[in-house]
Amino acid sequence: MDKFTKGILTVIAVGIIGLNVQMMNGGGFITKAHAVGNVQKVTICDENGFSCAYVDGAFLNVKNFPAY
């Protein structure tokens, strides 16, 4: 292999080893996400706020009405 390929592979190897060391020591720069507060509900409507999507069981239903 030429020097360029060896250099690139060395950088990749050092990066992988660095990530593994950080993960073994508590995560490093990747932290856990925690929810704060209550559930926030969102309504998806058209630009006028009249035609809105609705939830039917486990499905989000959106009607595609023709534009007038």
PDB file of N, CA and C in Angstrom:
ATOM      1  N   MET A   1       0.840  -1.188   0.000  1.00  0.00           N
ATOM      2  CA  MET A   1       0.000   0.000   0.000  1.00  0.00           C
ATOM      3  C   MET A   1       0.883   1.249   0.000  1.00  0.00           C
ATOM      4  N   ASP A   2       0.366   2.296  -0.588  1.00  0.00           N
ATOM      5  CA  ASP A   2       1.116   3.542  -0.587  1.00  0.00           C
ATOM      6  C   ASP A   2       0.919   4.288   0.739  1.00  0.00           C
ATOM      7  N   LYS A   3       1.682   5.362   0.923  1.00  0.00           N
ATOM      8  CA  LYS A   3       1.653   6.099   2.188  1.00  0.00           C
ATOM      9  C   LYS A   3       0.299   6.768   2.424  1.00  0.00           C
ATOM     10  N   PHE A   4      -0.343   7.251   1.373  1.00  0.00           N
ATOM     11  CA  PHE A   4      -1.638   7.914   1.523  1.00  0.00           C
ATOM     12  C   PHE A   4      -2.688   6.952   2.075  1.00  0.00           C
ATOM     13  N   THR A   5      -2.766   5.759   1.515  1.00  0.00           N
ATOM     14  CA  THR A   5      -3.736   4.762   1.960  1.00  0.00           C
ATOM     15  C   THR A   5      -3.457   4.354   3.397  1.00  0.00           C
ATOM     16  N   LYS A   6      -2.195   4.155   3.737  1.00  0.00           N
ATOM     17  CA  LYS A   6      -1.838   3.807   5.113  1.00  0.00           C
ATOM     18  C   LYS A   6      -2.225   4.930   6.073  1.00  0.00           C
ATOM     19  N   GLY A   7      -2.026   6.158   5.655  1.00  0.00           N
ATOM     20  CA  GLY A   7      -2.381   7.300   6.503  1.00  0.00           C
ATOM     21  C   GLY A   7      -3.880   7.380   6.743  1.00  0.00           C
ATOM     22  N   ILE A   8      -4.670   7.204   5.682  1.00  0.00           N
ATOM     23  CA  ILE A   8      -6.126   7.247   5.813  1.00  0.00           C
ATOM     24  C   ILE A   8      -6.614   6.113   6.711  1.00  0.00           C
ATOM     25  N   LEU A   9      -6.116   4.905   6.507  1.00  0.00           N
ATOM     26  CA  LEU A   9      -6.526   3.772   7.337  1.00  0.00           C
ATOM     27  C   LEU A   9      -6.117   3.966   8.792  1.00  0.00           C
ATOM     28  N   THR A  10      -4.974   4.599   9.034  1.00  0.00           N
ATOM     29  CA  THR A  10      -4.541   4.885  10.406  1.00  0.00           C
ATOM     30  C   THR A  10      -5.486   5.873  11.073  1.00  0.00           C
ATOM     31  N   VAL A  11      -5.881   6.924  10.349  1.00  0.00           N
ATOM     32  CA  VAL A  11      -6.806   7.905  10.903  1.00  0.00           C
ATOM     33  C   VAL A  11      -8.147   7.247  11.241  1.00  0.00           C
ATOM     34  N   ILE A  12      -8.650   6.390  10.359  1.00  0.00           N
ATOM     35  CA  ILE A  12      -9.912   5.687  10.603  1.00  0.00           C
ATOM     36  C   ILE A  12      -9.777   4.781  11.827  1.00  0.00           C
ATOM     37  N   ALA A  13      -8.687   4.052  11.934  1.00  0.00           N
ATOM     38  CA  ALA A  13      -8.484   3.143  13.071  1.00  0.00           C
ATOM     39  C   ALA A  13      -8.396   3.910  14.378  1.00  0.00           C
ATOM     40  N   VAL A  14      -7.680   5.011  14.387  1.00  0.00           N
ATOM     41  CA  VAL A  14      -7.552   5.816  15.608  1.00  0.00           C
ATOM     42  C   VAL A  14      -8.914   6.379  16.002  1.00  0.00           C
ATOM     43  N   GLY A  15      -9.711   6.800  15.025  1.00  0.00           N
ATOM     44  CA  GLY A  15     -11.044   7.313  15.315  1.00  0.00           C
ATOM     45  C   GLY A  15     -11.944   6.256  15.914  1.00  0.00           C
ATOM     46  N   ILE A  16     -11.919   5.052  15.361  1.00  0.00           N
ATOM     47  CA  ILE A  16     -12.744   3.956  15.890  1.00  0.00           C
ATOM     48  C   ILE A  16     -12.312   3.592  17.299  1.00  0.00           C
ATOM     49  N   ILE A  17     -11.028   3.523  17.532  1.00  0.00           N
ATOM     50  CA  ILE A  17     -10.531   3.214  18.875  1.00  0.00           C
ATOM     51  C   ILE A  17     -10.918   4.323  19.846  1.00  0.00           C
ATOM     52  N   GLY A  18     -10.825   5.573  19.409  1.00  0.00           N
ATOM     53  CA  GLY A  18     -11.213   6.695  20.268  1.00  0.00           C
ATOM     54  C   GLY A  18     -12.684   6.646  20.646  1.00  0.00           C
ATOM     55  N   LEU A  19     -13.558   6.322  19.682  1.00  0.00           N
ATOM     56  CA  LEU A  19     -14.986   6.199  19.971  1.00  0.00           C
ATOM     57  C   LEU A  19     -15.251   5.082  20.972  1.00  0.00           C
ATOM     58  N   ASN A  20     -14.575   3.949  20.810  1.00  0.00           N
ATOM     59  CA  ASN A  20     -14.762   2.832  21.737  1.00  0.00           C
ATOM     60  C   ASN A  20     -14.305   3.189  23.143  1.00  0.00           C
ATOM     61  N   VAL A  21     -13.198   3.902  23.269  1.00  0.00           N
ATOM     62  CA  VAL A  21     -12.707   4.300  24.587  1.00  0.00           C
ATOM     63  C   VAL A  21     -13.698   5.249  25.250  1.00  0.00           C
ATOM     64  N   GLN A  22     -14.228   6.191  24.485  1.00  0.00           N
ATOM     65  CA  GLN A  22     -15.205   7.124  25.057  1.00  0.00           C
ATOM     66  C   GLN A  22     -16.475   6.405  25.488  1.00  0.00           C
ATOM     67  N   MET A  23     -16.930   5.436  24.704  1.00  0.00           N
ATOM     68  CA  MET A  23     -18.149   4.712  25.057  1.00  0.00           C
ATOM     69  C   MET A  23     -17.952   3.867  26.313  1.00  0.00           C
ATOM     70  N   MET A  24     -16.765   3.328  26.503  1.00  0.00           N
ATOM     71  CA  MET A  24     -16.498   2.537  27.703  1.00  0.00           C
ATOM     72  C   MET A  24     -16.384   3.418  28.944  1.00  0.00           C
ATOM     73  N   ASN A  25     -16.078   4.696  28.758  1.00  0.00           N
ATOM     74  CA  ASN A  25     -15.908   5.618  29.887  1.00  0.00           C
ATOM     75  C   ASN A  25     -17.133   6.495  30.103  1.00  0.00           C
ATOM     76  N   GLY A  26     -18.316   6.019  29.784  1.00  0.00           N
ATOM     77  CA  GLY A  26     -19.529   6.770  30.095  1.00  0.00           C
ATOM     78  C   GLY A  26     -20.140   7.518  28.935  1.00  0.00           C
ATOM     79  N   GLY A  27     -19.708   7.299  27.746  1.00  0.00           N
ATOM     80  CA  GLY A  27     -20.395   7.881  26.608  1.00  0.00           C
ATOM     81  C   GLY A  27     -19.703   9.052  25.957  1.00  0.00           C
ATOM     82  N   GLY A  28     -18.908   9.813  26.673  1.00  0.00           N
ATOM     83  CA  GLY A  28     -18.199  10.913  26.052  1.00  0.00           C
ATOM     84  C   GLY A  28     -19.123  12.002  25.542  1.00  0.00           C
ATOM     85  N   PHE A  29     -19.029  12.315  24.267  1.00  0.00           N
ATOM     86  CA  PHE A  29     -19.809  13.419  23.695  1.00  0.00           C
ATOM     87  C   PHE A  29     -21.241  13.015  23.370  1.00  0.00           C
ATOM     88  N   ILE A  30     -21.565  11.736  23.404  1.00  0.00           N
ATOM     89  CA  ILE A  30     -22.926  11.274  23.141  1.00  0.00           C
ATOM     90  C   ILE A  30     -23.611  11.066  24.486  1.00  0.00           C
ATOM     91  N   THR A  31     -24.591  11.917  24.780  1.00  0.00           N
ATOM     92  CA  THR A  31     -25.275  11.809  26.066  1.00  0.00           C
ATOM     93  C   THR A  31     -26.692  11.286  25.856  1.00  0.00           C
ATOM     94  N   LYS A  32     -27.307  10.824  26.933  1.00  0.00           N
ATOM     95  CA  LYS A  32     -28.663  10.313  26.858  1.00  0.00           C
ATOM     96  C   LYS A  32     -29.648  11.470  26.783  1.00  0.00           C
ATOM     97  N   ALA A  33     -30.722  11.268  26.023  1.00  0.00           N
ATOM     98  CA  ALA A  33     -31.779  12.278  25.924  1.00  0.00           C
ATOM     99  C   ALA A  33     -32.865  11.955  26.938  1.00  0.00           C
ATOM    100  N   HIS A  34     -33.321  12.977  27.637  1.00  0.00           N
ATOM    101  CA  HIS A  34     -34.367  12.804  28.637  1.00  0.00           C
ATOM    102  C   HIS A  34     -35.521  13.739  28.304  1.00  0.00           C
ATOM    103  N   ALA A  35     -36.738  13.217  28.378  1.00  0.00           N
ATOM    104  CA  ALA A  35     -37.916  14.038  28.137  1.00  0.00           C
ATOM    105  C   ALA A  35     -38.140  14.966  29.329  1.00  0.00           C
ATOM    106  N   VAL A  36     -38.595  16.175  29.041  1.00  0.00           N
ATOM    107  CA  VAL A  36     -38.874  17.146  30.086  1.00  0.00           C
ATOM    108  C   VAL A  36     -40.311  17.619  29.929  1.00  0.00           C
ATOM    109  N   GLY A  37     -41.089  17.546  30.980  1.00  0.00           N
ATOM    110  CA  GLY A  37     -42.446  18.073  30.952  1.00  0.00           C
ATOM    111  C   GLY A  37     -43.456  17.063  30.449  1.00  0.00           C
ATOM    112  N   ASN A  38     -44.632  17.580  30.135  1.00  0.00           N
ATOM    113  CA  ASN A  38     -45.743  16.749  29.716  1.00  0.00           C
ATOM    114  C   ASN A  38     -45.726  16.503  28.207  1.00  0.00           C
ATOM    115  N   VAL A  39     -46.671  15.704  27.759  1.00  0.00           N
ATOM    116  CA  VAL A  39     -46.805  15.416  26.335  1.00  0.00           C
ATOM    117  C   VAL A  39     -47.337  16.649  25.631  1.00  0.00           C
ATOM    118  N   GLN A  40     -46.748  16.972  24.493  1.00  0.00           N
ATOM    119  CA  GLN A  40     -47.216  18.113  23.709  1.00  0.00           C
ATOM    120  C   GLN A  40     -47.992  17.585  22.515  1.00  0.00           C
ATOM    121  N   LYS A  41     -49.230  18.028  22.354  1.00  0.00           N
ATOM    122  CA  LYS A  41     -50.070  17.582  21.261  1.00  0.00           C
ATOM    123  C   LYS A  41     -49.981  18.575  20.113  1.00  0.00           C
ATOM    124  N   VAL A  42     -49.974  18.041  18.882  1.00  0.00           N
ATOM    125  CA  VAL A  42     -49.827  18.857  17.687  1.00  0.00           C
ATOM    126  C   VAL A  42     -50.962  18.528  16.738  1.00  0.00           C
ATOM    127  N   THR A  43     -51.528  19.547  16.101  1.00  0.00           N
ATOM    128  CA  THR A  43     -52.557  19.357  15.094  1.00  0.00           C
ATOM    129  C   THR A  43     -52.006  19.776  13.746  1.00  0.00           C
ATOM    130  N   ILE A  44     -52.186  18.929  12.739  1.00  0.00           N
ATOM    131  CA  ILE A  44     -51.718  19.222  11.394  1.00  0.00           C
ATOM    132  C   ILE A  44     -52.917  19.679  10.567  1.00  0.00           C
ATOM    133  N   CYS A  45     -52.897  20.951  10.146  1.00  0.00           N
ATOM    134  CA  CYS A  45     -54.016  21.522   9.390  1.00  0.00           C
ATOM    135  C   CYS A  45     -53.503  22.203   8.124  1.00  0.00           C
ATOM    136  N   ASP A  46     -54.456  22.600   7.270  1.00  0.00           N
ATOM    137  CA  ASP A  46     -54.079  23.374   6.089  1.00  0.00           C
ATOM    138  C   ASP A  46     -53.740  24.805   6.517  1.00  0.00           C
ATOM    139  N   GLU A  47     -53.374  25.642   5.548  1.00  0.00           N
ATOM    140  CA  GLU A  47     -52.929  27.000   5.873  1.00  0.00           C
ATOM    141  C   GLU A  47     -54.038  27.854   6.484  1.00  0.00           C
ATOM    142  N   ASN A  48     -55.313  27.488   6.269  1.00  0.00           N
ATOM    143  CA  ASN A  48     -56.421  28.247   6.842  1.00  0.00           C
ATOM    144  C   ASN A  48     -56.870  27.698   8.193  1.00  0.00           C
ATOM    145  N   GLY A  49     -56.427  26.509   8.551  1.00  0.00           N
ATOM    146  CA  GLY A  49     -56.778  25.918   9.831  1.00  0.00           C
ATOM    147  C   GLY A  49     -58.124  25.223   9.846  1.00  0.00           C
ATOM    148  N   PHE A  50     -58.708  24.970   8.669  1.00  0.00           N
ATOM    149  CA  PHE A  50     -60.028  24.345   8.613  1.00  0.00           C
ATOM    150  C   PHE A  50     -59.957  22.839   8.367  1.00  0.00           C
ATOM    151  N   SER A  51     -59.162  22.411   7.422  1.00  0.00           N
ATOM    152  CA  SER A  51     -59.055  20.997   7.088  1.00  0.00           C
ATOM    153  C   SER A  51     -57.857  20.408   7.824  1.00  0.00           C
ATOM    154  N   CYS A  52     -58.135  19.544   8.797  1.00  0.00           N
ATOM    155  CA  CYS A  52     -57.063  19.004   9.632  1.00  0.00           C
ATOM    156  C   CYS A  52     -56.991  17.483   9.509  1.00  0.00           C
ATOM    157  N   ALA A  53     -55.793  16.939   9.735  1.00  0.00           N
ATOM    158  CA  ALA A  53     -55.602  15.493   9.764  1.00  0.00           C
ATOM    159  C   ALA A  53     -56.180  14.965  11.074  1.00  0.00           C
ATOM    160  N   TYR A  54     -56.582  13.714  11.084  1.00  0.00           N
ATOM    161  CA  TYR A  54     -57.124  13.123  12.293  1.00  0.00           C
ATOM    162  C   TYR A  54     -56.546  11.723  12.484  1.00  0.00           C
ATOM    163  N   VAL A  55     -56.524  11.280  13.730  1.00  0.00           N
ATOM    164  CA  VAL A  55     -55.984   9.963  14.076  1.00  0.00           C
ATOM    165  C   VAL A  55     -57.152   9.005  14.222  1.00  0.00           C
ATOM    166  N   ASP A  56     -57.051   7.875  13.527  1.00  0.00           N
ATOM    167  CA  ASP A  56     -58.072   6.837  13.601  1.00  0.00           C
ATOM    168  C   ASP A  56     -57.375   5.552  14.033  1.00  0.00           C
ATOM    169  N   GLY A  57     -57.406   5.265  15.329  1.00  0.00           N
ATOM    170  CA  GLY A  57     -56.678   4.107  15.848  1.00  0.00           C
ATOM    171  C   GLY A  57     -55.190   4.388  15.810  1.00  0.00           C
ATOM    172  N   ALA A  58     -54.467   3.623  15.016  1.00  0.00           N
ATOM    173  CA  ALA A  58     -53.022   3.795  14.906  1.00  0.00           C
ATOM    174  C   ALA A  58     -52.632   4.481  13.607  1.00  0.00           C
ATOM    175  N   PHE A  59     -53.600   5.080  12.892  1.00  0.00           N
ATOM    176  CA  PHE A  59     -53.331   5.668  11.591  1.00  0.00           C
ATOM    177  C   PHE A  59     -53.580   7.173  11.604  1.00  0.00           C
ATOM    178  N   LEU A  60     -52.758   7.909  10.895  1.00  0.00           N
ATOM    179  CA  LEU A  60     -52.944   9.336  10.700  1.00  0.00           C
ATOM    180  C   LEU A  60     -53.591   9.518   9.338  1.00  0.00           C
ATOM    181  N   ASN A  61     -54.828   9.969   9.323  1.00  0.00           N
ATOM    182  CA  ASN A  61     -55.584  10.112   8.083  1.00  0.00           C
ATOM    183  C   ASN A  61     -55.538  11.553   7.595  1.00  0.00           C
ATOM    184  N   VAL A  62     -55.201  11.716   6.323  1.00  0.00           N
ATOM    185  CA  VAL A  62     -55.168  13.025   5.696  1.00  0.00           C
ATOM    186  C   VAL A  62     -55.968  12.934   4.410  1.00  0.00           C
ATOM    187  N   LYS A  63     -56.960  13.774   4.278  1.00  0.00           N
ATOM    188  CA  LYS A  63     -57.760  13.808   3.062  1.00  0.00           C
ATOM    189  C   LYS A  63     -57.140  14.793   2.090  1.00  0.00           C
ATOM    190  N   ASN A  64     -57.011  14.408   0.832  1.00  0.00           N
ATOM    191  CA  ASN A  64     -56.446  15.283  -0.182  1.00  0.00           C
ATOM    192  C   ASN A  64     -57.595  15.884  -0.986  1.00  0.00           C
ATOM    193  N   PHE A  65     -58.074  17.030  -0.534  1.00  0.00           N
ATOM    194  CA  PHE A  65     -59.173  17.708  -1.215  1.00  0.00           C
ATOM    195  C   PHE A  65     -58.609  18.572  -2.340  1.00  0.00           C
ATOM    196  N   PRO A  66     -59.346  18.704  -3.434  1.00  0.00           N
ATOM    197  CA  PRO A  66     -58.868  19.553  -4.526  1.00  0.00           C
ATOM    198  C   PRO A  66     -58.826  21.019  -4.104  1.00  0.00           C
ATOM    199  N   ALA A  67     -57.825  21.722  -4.586  1.00  0.00           N
ATOM    200  CA  ALA A  67     -57.711  23.153  -4.277  1.00  0.00           C
ATOM    201  C   ALA A  67     -58.727  23.925  -5.091  1.00  0.00           C
ATOM    202  N   TYR A  68     -59.396  24.872  -4.436  1.00  0.00           N
ATOM    203  CA  TYR A  68     -60.408  25.697  -5.124  1.00  0.00           C
ATOM    204  C   TYR A  68     -59.868  27.071  -5.408  1.00  0.00           C
TER     205      TYR A  68
END
